[in-house]
Amino acid sequence: MPKEILFLVEESVDGGYEARVPGYSIHTQADTLEEVRRMAVDAVRCHFDEQDLPRDIRLHLVREG
């Protein structure tokens, strides 16, 4: 069980944001950063059993330069 999950968040070409966790099949998307944060927590809860939930969920916004 991981102690921490890190989502990489990118702006979607269709608008809004897409978030994914490298190494896991956990993905989500939303229109705003606040909404993607809530959706990320929900996605982690759906992916792990209650006793295996990571302690920390972090989001890292990735912007193309």
N, C-alpha and C. Protein backbone atom coordinates (compact mmCIF):
# COMPACT_ATOMS: atom_id res chain seq x y z
N MET A 1 0.85 -1.18 0.00
CA MET A 1 0.00 0.00 0.00
C MET A 1 0.89 1.25 0.00
N PRO A 2 0.66 2.14 -0.94
CA PRO A 2 1.46 3.38 -0.96
C PRO A 2 1.01 4.33 0.16
N LYS A 3 1.96 5.07 0.71
CA LYS A 3 1.63 6.06 1.73
C LYS A 3 1.15 7.36 1.09
N GLU A 4 1.53 7.54 -0.18
CA GLU A 4 1.21 8.78 -0.88
C GLU A 4 0.88 8.47 -2.33
N ILE A 5 -0.07 9.20 -2.88
CA ILE A 5 -0.42 9.10 -4.31
C ILE A 5 -0.19 10.48 -4.91
N LEU A 6 0.47 10.52 -6.06
CA LEU A 6 0.75 11.78 -6.74
C LEU A 6 0.06 11.78 -8.09
N PHE A 7 -0.88 12.70 -8.27
CA PHE A 7 -1.55 12.91 -9.55
C PHE A 7 -0.78 13.93 -10.36
N LEU A 8 -0.57 13.66 -11.63
CA LEU A 8 -0.06 14.64 -12.57
C LEU A 8 -1.27 15.25 -13.26
N VAL A 9 -1.42 16.55 -13.16
CA VAL A 9 -2.59 17.25 -13.69
C VAL A 9 -2.16 18.11 -14.87
N GLU A 10 -2.86 17.96 -15.99
CA GLU A 10 -2.57 18.73 -17.18
C GLU A 10 -3.86 19.37 -17.70
N GLU A 11 -3.71 20.51 -18.34
CA GLU A 11 -4.87 21.11 -18.99
C GLU A 11 -5.26 20.24 -20.18
N SER A 12 -6.54 20.02 -20.34
CA SER A 12 -7.05 19.20 -21.43
C SER A 12 -7.21 20.05 -22.69
N VAL A 13 -6.96 19.45 -23.85
CA VAL A 13 -7.16 20.18 -25.10
C VAL A 13 -8.63 20.53 -25.31
N ASP A 14 -9.52 19.80 -24.66
CA ASP A 14 -10.96 20.05 -24.77
C ASP A 14 -11.45 21.03 -23.69
N GLY A 15 -10.53 21.56 -22.89
CA GLY A 15 -10.90 22.42 -21.77
C GLY A 15 -10.92 21.62 -20.48
N GLY A 16 -10.74 22.30 -19.39
CA GLY A 16 -10.71 21.62 -18.10
C GLY A 16 -9.35 20.98 -17.85
N TYR A 17 -9.35 19.94 -17.01
CA TYR A 17 -8.11 19.32 -16.58
C TYR A 17 -8.24 17.80 -16.59
N GLU A 18 -7.12 17.14 -16.83
CA GLU A 18 -7.03 15.68 -16.75
C GLU A 18 -5.97 15.36 -15.71
N ALA A 19 -6.23 14.34 -14.89
CA ALA A 19 -5.28 13.95 -13.85
C ALA A 19 -5.08 12.44 -13.92
N ARG A 20 -3.80 12.03 -13.75
CA ARG A 20 -3.49 10.61 -13.77
C ARG A 20 -2.39 10.32 -12.77
N VAL A 21 -2.33 9.07 -12.33
CA VAL A 21 -1.31 8.63 -11.38
C VAL A 21 -0.39 7.66 -12.12
N PRO A 22 0.86 8.05 -12.37
CA PRO A 22 1.80 7.13 -13.03
C PRO A 22 1.96 5.85 -12.20
N GLY A 23 1.93 4.72 -12.89
CA GLY A 23 2.10 3.43 -12.22
C GLY A 23 0.81 2.81 -11.72
N TYR A 24 -0.28 3.53 -11.80
CA TYR A 24 -1.60 3.02 -11.40
C TYR A 24 -2.60 3.36 -12.50
N SER A 25 -3.64 2.60 -12.59
CA SER A 25 -4.70 2.93 -13.56
C SER A 25 -5.75 3.79 -12.85
N ILE A 26 -5.31 4.96 -12.41
CA ILE A 26 -6.19 5.92 -11.75
C ILE A 26 -6.18 7.19 -12.58
N HIS A 27 -7.34 7.58 -13.10
CA HIS A 27 -7.47 8.78 -13.93
C HIS A 27 -8.75 9.49 -13.56
N THR A 28 -8.77 10.78 -13.80
CA THR A 28 -10.00 11.55 -13.63
C THR A 28 -9.88 12.83 -14.43
N GLN A 29 -10.99 13.51 -14.58
CA GLN A 29 -10.99 14.80 -15.29
C GLN A 29 -12.10 15.66 -14.72
N ALA A 30 -11.92 16.99 -14.90
CA ALA A 30 -12.91 17.93 -14.38
C ALA A 30 -12.71 19.28 -15.04
N ASP A 31 -13.67 20.17 -14.85
CA ASP A 31 -13.62 21.49 -15.47
C ASP A 31 -12.71 22.47 -14.73
N THR A 32 -12.59 22.32 -13.41
CA THR A 32 -11.79 23.26 -12.61
C THR A 32 -10.78 22.49 -11.78
N LEU A 33 -9.77 23.21 -11.28
CA LEU A 33 -8.78 22.56 -10.42
C LEU A 33 -9.40 22.09 -9.11
N GLU A 34 -10.30 22.88 -8.56
CA GLU A 34 -10.97 22.48 -7.31
C GLU A 34 -11.78 21.19 -7.52
N GLU A 35 -12.46 21.12 -8.63
CA GLU A 35 -13.25 19.93 -8.93
C GLU A 35 -12.35 18.72 -9.20
N VAL A 36 -11.24 18.91 -9.90
CA VAL A 36 -10.33 17.79 -10.16
C VAL A 36 -9.73 17.28 -8.85
N ARG A 37 -9.53 18.17 -7.89
CA ARG A 37 -9.04 17.76 -6.57
C ARG A 37 -10.05 16.83 -5.89
N ARG A 38 -11.32 17.21 -5.92
CA ARG A 38 -12.36 16.35 -5.32
C ARG A 38 -12.48 15.02 -6.07
N MET A 39 -12.40 15.08 -7.39
CA MET A 39 -12.52 13.87 -8.19
C MET A 39 -11.33 12.93 -7.96
N ALA A 40 -10.14 13.50 -7.72
CA ALA A 40 -8.96 12.69 -7.44
C ALA A 40 -9.14 11.90 -6.15
N VAL A 41 -9.64 12.55 -5.12
CA VAL A 41 -9.89 11.87 -3.85
C VAL A 41 -10.89 10.74 -4.06
N ASP A 42 -11.94 11.00 -4.80
CA ASP A 42 -12.95 9.97 -5.08
C ASP A 42 -12.34 8.82 -5.88
N ALA A 43 -11.50 9.12 -6.86
CA ALA A 43 -10.87 8.07 -7.68
C ALA A 43 -9.98 7.17 -6.83
N VAL A 44 -9.24 7.76 -5.89
CA VAL A 44 -8.38 6.97 -5.01
C VAL A 44 -9.23 6.08 -4.10
N ARG A 45 -10.31 6.62 -3.58
CA ARG A 45 -11.20 5.82 -2.72
C ARG A 45 -11.81 4.64 -3.48
N CYS A 46 -12.08 4.84 -4.77
CA CYS A 46 -12.64 3.76 -5.58
C CYS A 46 -11.59 2.70 -5.92
N HIS A 47 -10.33 3.11 -6.02
CA HIS A 47 -9.26 2.21 -6.45
C HIS A 47 -8.75 1.31 -5.32
N PHE A 48 -8.68 1.83 -4.10
CA PHE A 48 -8.10 1.10 -2.98
C PHE A 48 -9.18 0.66 -1.99
N ASP A 49 -8.93 -0.46 -1.32
CA ASP A 49 -9.79 -0.86 -0.21
C ASP A 49 -9.56 0.11 0.94
N GLU A 50 -10.53 0.22 1.81
CA GLU A 50 -10.48 1.17 2.93
C GLU A 50 -9.20 1.03 3.75
N GLN A 51 -8.78 -0.20 4.05
CA GLN A 51 -7.59 -0.39 4.88
C GLN A 51 -6.29 -0.10 4.13
N ASP A 52 -6.35 0.02 2.80
CA ASP A 52 -5.16 0.27 1.99
C ASP A 52 -5.07 1.70 1.47
N LEU A 53 -5.99 2.57 1.87
CA LEU A 53 -5.99 3.94 1.36
C LEU A 53 -4.69 4.67 1.71
N PRO A 54 -4.10 5.36 0.73
CA PRO A 54 -2.91 6.16 1.01
C PRO A 54 -3.24 7.28 1.99
N ARG A 55 -2.26 7.66 2.78
CA ARG A 55 -2.45 8.72 3.77
C ARG A 55 -2.53 10.09 3.10
N ASP A 56 -1.74 10.29 2.04
CA ASP A 56 -1.68 11.59 1.37
C ASP A 56 -2.00 11.47 -0.11
N ILE A 57 -2.74 12.45 -0.62
CA ILE A 57 -3.02 12.55 -2.05
C ILE A 57 -2.54 13.93 -2.48
N ARG A 58 -1.58 13.96 -3.41
CA ARG A 58 -1.02 15.22 -3.87
C ARG A 58 -1.32 15.40 -5.36
N LEU A 59 -1.49 16.64 -5.78
CA LEU A 59 -1.67 16.97 -7.19
C LEU A 59 -0.54 17.87 -7.63
N HIS A 60 0.03 17.56 -8.78
CA HIS A 60 1.10 18.36 -9.35
C HIS A 60 0.64 18.86 -10.71
N LEU A 61 0.50 20.17 -10.86
CA LEU A 61 0.07 20.76 -12.12
C LEU A 61 1.25 20.83 -13.07
N VAL A 62 1.12 20.19 -14.22
CA VAL A 62 2.17 20.15 -15.23
C VAL A 62 1.75 21.06 -16.37
N ARG A 63 2.59 22.03 -16.70
CA ARG A 63 2.30 22.95 -17.79
C ARG A 63 3.38 22.82 -18.85
N GLU A 64 2.95 22.75 -20.09
CA GLU A 64 3.90 22.71 -21.19
C GLU A 64 4.43 24.11 -21.43
N GLY A 65 5.72 24.22 -21.61
CA GLY A 65 6.35 25.52 -21.73
C GLY A 65 6.51 25.94 -23.12
